[in-house]
Amino acid sequence: MPDSSLEPSTEPAGEPPPPSAVVTNDVAPMPPRDDMGAPVSGGEAPAPAVTPASSTASAVEAVAPAAMARPRETSPSLEEGRFAFLARAGEVLASSLDEPTVLRQLVGLVVPELADWCAVDVVTPSHKRVRRAAAHRDPALVPSVYAIAERWALRENGSQAVAHVLSTGQPRLIPEVTEQAFLEAARGNVALEETWRLGCRSVMLVPLVARGRVLGCLSLMSGTAGRFGECDLELVRELARRAALSLDNALLYGEARQAQARTARLQAVTASLSRAATEDAVAQVLAREVWEASGATRVAVLALEEDGQMRPLRVLGYSEEALARFARPPDGSPPAAWPALRREAGWFHSLEEFLARYPEDAEFVRSQGPGARAVVPLWGETRVRGLLLLAWPEPRVFPAAERAFLEALAHQCAQALERAALYEALRERTERLRQALVTGDMGTWRVDLVRGRELHDAALNHMLGLPAVDSSVPVGDMLERLHPEDRPHVEAEFLRYQREAPGFFELEFRVLRRDGGVRWLHSVGQSFAGPDGKVTELTGAMADVTRRKEAEERLQLLLDASRVLALRLDDVEEALPEVARLVVDHVATGCLVDLAAPDGTLRRVTAAHRVTGHDARLKEALPRRGDRGPAHPALQCFRSGEVCFLSRLDFKRCDAVSTNDAHRTLVDSLAPTSVLSVPLRARGRTLGVITLFTAEPQRTLVAADVTMAEELALRVSVALENARLFHDAQSAVRLRDEFLSVASHELKTPLTSLILQHNLIGRALETAGAPGPVTGKLHTAQRQVLRLTALVDNLLDVSRLSLGKLSLERAEVDLVQLTRDAVERLEDVFIQARCPLKVELPRTLTGQWDALRLDQVLVNLLTNAAKYGAGQPVSVRAGVDALDEVWLEVRDEGIGIEADALPRLFGRFERAVSERHYGGMGLGLYISRQIVEALGGRIDVDSQPGQGATFTLRLPRRPSMPDARPPPPQDA
């Protein structure tokens, strides 16, 4: 409860008034009177009370209804005096922020310079009007001014006097009041007569308005009739405006002081609660503070359980019966009023008010005694944590400030209870986390840049091979433990996060343990800035991810090696240096690759090392042989065909590895700590050996590396075997092409002789004039020989293409004439196939082409159209496009081609239809495409099943290269 000393003072200025100087609405009302102050007959209820100034002005207005405000002329000197007065008034009123002082200074300014006497009535927060200041020309009469306010019969009149001024904020001016009329209006009223005696011949009532709110009324009285005019009213209005601002500032200052006092108390409570780490300690602080601040005689702090039951935490003044009732209600459920009170605070001015709202618990509540009650929920961040119960022995009113203060205390307590619960849960979880970190290879760290210290927990030290205890070391200790290859990058990032704005970071790096081992750590953390915006602290956690990183490196090595080997299928030995480099980049310190020589010995093919100097020395030693001793792991692996793994290499073993001093010196400089040799085996033969070794500071090889090396050796072995098979296949293809070439030449000789013989027989039959069945059979034999000749020519062309021996004889050729000749020769073929032929050709299309080869292409395209045209028309068109490229189109409307057969249509020995129904070797389109591409052109096909096919031949008029030859095709 706020300190009462901080409440605004109600004492008047000058001499202290009598104890009854303040008039409130609690004063017993006098019998009602009319506007002249006479009692009103009848049994009407008295009207609401007004201040004495209100009644005085009412009487004055009644006796001088016709009095009019007469403005007076002002001289320049008078205006200057008014301005000087206002300036002095503003200066005086602004010199203090204390409300009584401001009001005392206000009346001191008015009397005697503006009026004979004056009073200030203000509106209190409870909407009562109280006389707070008064002054009189005669200081001895000041108590009488205060006494009038107490003795006057109060009456509310909304249209007149102070009540009207306070309600409307409009000033009132009564320039002149006659004595006879005033005394007649008083009619024996002692208070009015006292007012007349003090001097009331001219009256001004001016409101004190600030921020749109009427704070009070300034009443000015003069014993001189006609003393006040419009100019005086304007002056007093300006004075009232300034006085209202000063009064408003004083009120705000008083409220601020009260709020400051409450805030100070809340801060003290917050400090006490911050030191309370348990529920009991929190409840003790709350009960003590509430007991002292509120004046309650009974205080109870109850915790709300998850099941809805209440549990007493701290109880002061309540009986044992009430305590038991709080802990264990008779029916197992809390009082009926509690669910509603958990949602909002309940303020009950008396016991009757509480029972009127919650009559269900009347018996229990009455047993706790009379007086006011308060129930304040302890609201946390997520739910109600409990209730605060307060009780007083007598009825009372709860000001808004007190309510807000107690609710703030309750909220602070709820937060403290949540913190206590979280602290207990955090303590348990911290202990479990500590155990989990130690067993799960995780640790935490913190860098205090202000003190220049690094804090490592026990789990982190355990990962680093240090004693498993929390430690504090100078900043930079962790950087000293980084792997040399990772330190530059990590140190740069660490320094960057010290300079930049706070943020989250994540890094992975290697560290060297105290025992010489290497560990991969994954570190996440965050940087924090101080008040000046500079980073003052970095904190985070580290996890040992060595196994994951090693597995990733092994997998990446196998993927990269497979990619490299797949790109060098023709010569795997050229890819082995790159494979060795991949090994040392991912897994080992060095890698050696040996292949079996024809004489059965090992020959060193390639070697790689992480250190540039050692890498050069290994490559220099490649040509040398016979420097490896019998105990060398590569020789043992080659002889046995089994893996040779030395996880720890000692000096005695090193002596048996070398046969001369130069090799021993090289081995000593490499200082291997572990060696692994894996055989390259395929089809039961050992093709060679891959040797991996490590040296400090890199980790030693483990069993998982053996599995990875075996898989790598398998892939290299398969690549070597595939390369050997590829070369064998290439040799077989070359032998086949040579055989086809020879066979084609050999077949051409008897076919040429057979054609000549057929021609001689035909001439003899014509000479003898004996046509008949023999002539028909001769024609059939000639056609078959011609077909066989074409097949042999195709085989000869295929062999030439495979060997790259297809030559082109370019000359000026007319494609139109060449096409017409081919159509004319194949006229019988189209007649036999019943495919009408339509030719649309320009007059001429010339270019630098090989006429014989181009005729071969045209014959193949036309023959295909007749073969697959299915008796439908065939069209041949030609022209030139915008790029001066010649095109020729052969379109049929026959059976068409399936979509999946289009990509392989121009392949060697490929067919899009059944060989059984259409025959052929599938070489025509292949040879045609090779010839066209050799001429710098291309063949496109567009077809759909059942809608025929369109073959488009495109040729440039001039060659792009002088002697363009088709590249030899790649055989599978």
Foldseek 3Di string as FASTA:
>chain_A
DFDPVLDADQFAPDDGAPPLLWDWQVDDFDADDDLLAHHDDDDDDAAGFDFLQQSLFSNQCVLCVPFDFDDDDDDPVRVVVLVVLLVVLLVCLVPDLHQNSNQNSLQVSCPPPPFQKKWKWFQDPVRIITTRYIDGNDSVCRNVVSVLRRPPRTHDDCCTGFNVCQVPVDKDWRQAGDPVSSVVSCVPVPSSVVVVVRAAGIKIKGFQDDPNHTGIIMIGGHNDHRSDHPVSNVSVNSSSPSSSVSNVSSVVVSVVVSVVSLVVLLVVLLVQLVPDQALLSLQVSLVVSCCVPVVFQKKWWWFADPVGAIQTNDIGNFDPVVNCCNHAPPVRHHQPCVVVCQVAKDWFQKLVRVCVVPVPCNVVSVVRAIGIKIKAFLDEPPGTGTIMITGHRHGDDQDPVNVVSSNSSSPSSSHSNVNSVVSVVCVVVVVVVVVCLQVQQKWKWKAFQVVQKIWTALSPCVNQQHHSHIDIDGPCPQLVFFDPVCSVVVVVVVVVCQADAKDKDWDWGWGAHPVLAIWIKIWIWIFHADPVRGTGMIITMIGTCRVVLLVVLLVVLLVVLLVLLVVPLQCSLVSVQVSQVSCCVRPFQKKWWWFADPVGDTATSAMAGPDPVLRVVVRVCRHDPDFFACLAQFNVCQVVVAKDKFQADDPVSLVRGTDDDVVSVSCVVQAFGIKIKHFQDDPRHTGIIMMGTHHPSYHTDDPVVNVSVNSSSPSSSVSVVSNVVLVVVVVVVLVVLVVLQVVLVVVVVVLVVVLVVLVVVQVVCVVVVDDDPVNVVSVVVNVVSVVVNVVSVLSNLLSCLQVLNDFADWDKDWVVVLLVVLCVVCVVLLVVLLAAEAEAEDPTDIATGRSVLVSLLSNLLVNVQSLFLNNYYWYWYWDADPVRKIKIKIWGQGFWADPVQQVCLLPFQGDRDDCVVRNDRSRSSVSSQQRLVLQVWGWDKDTDGRGTIMIMTIGHRYGPDDTRTGHNDDDD
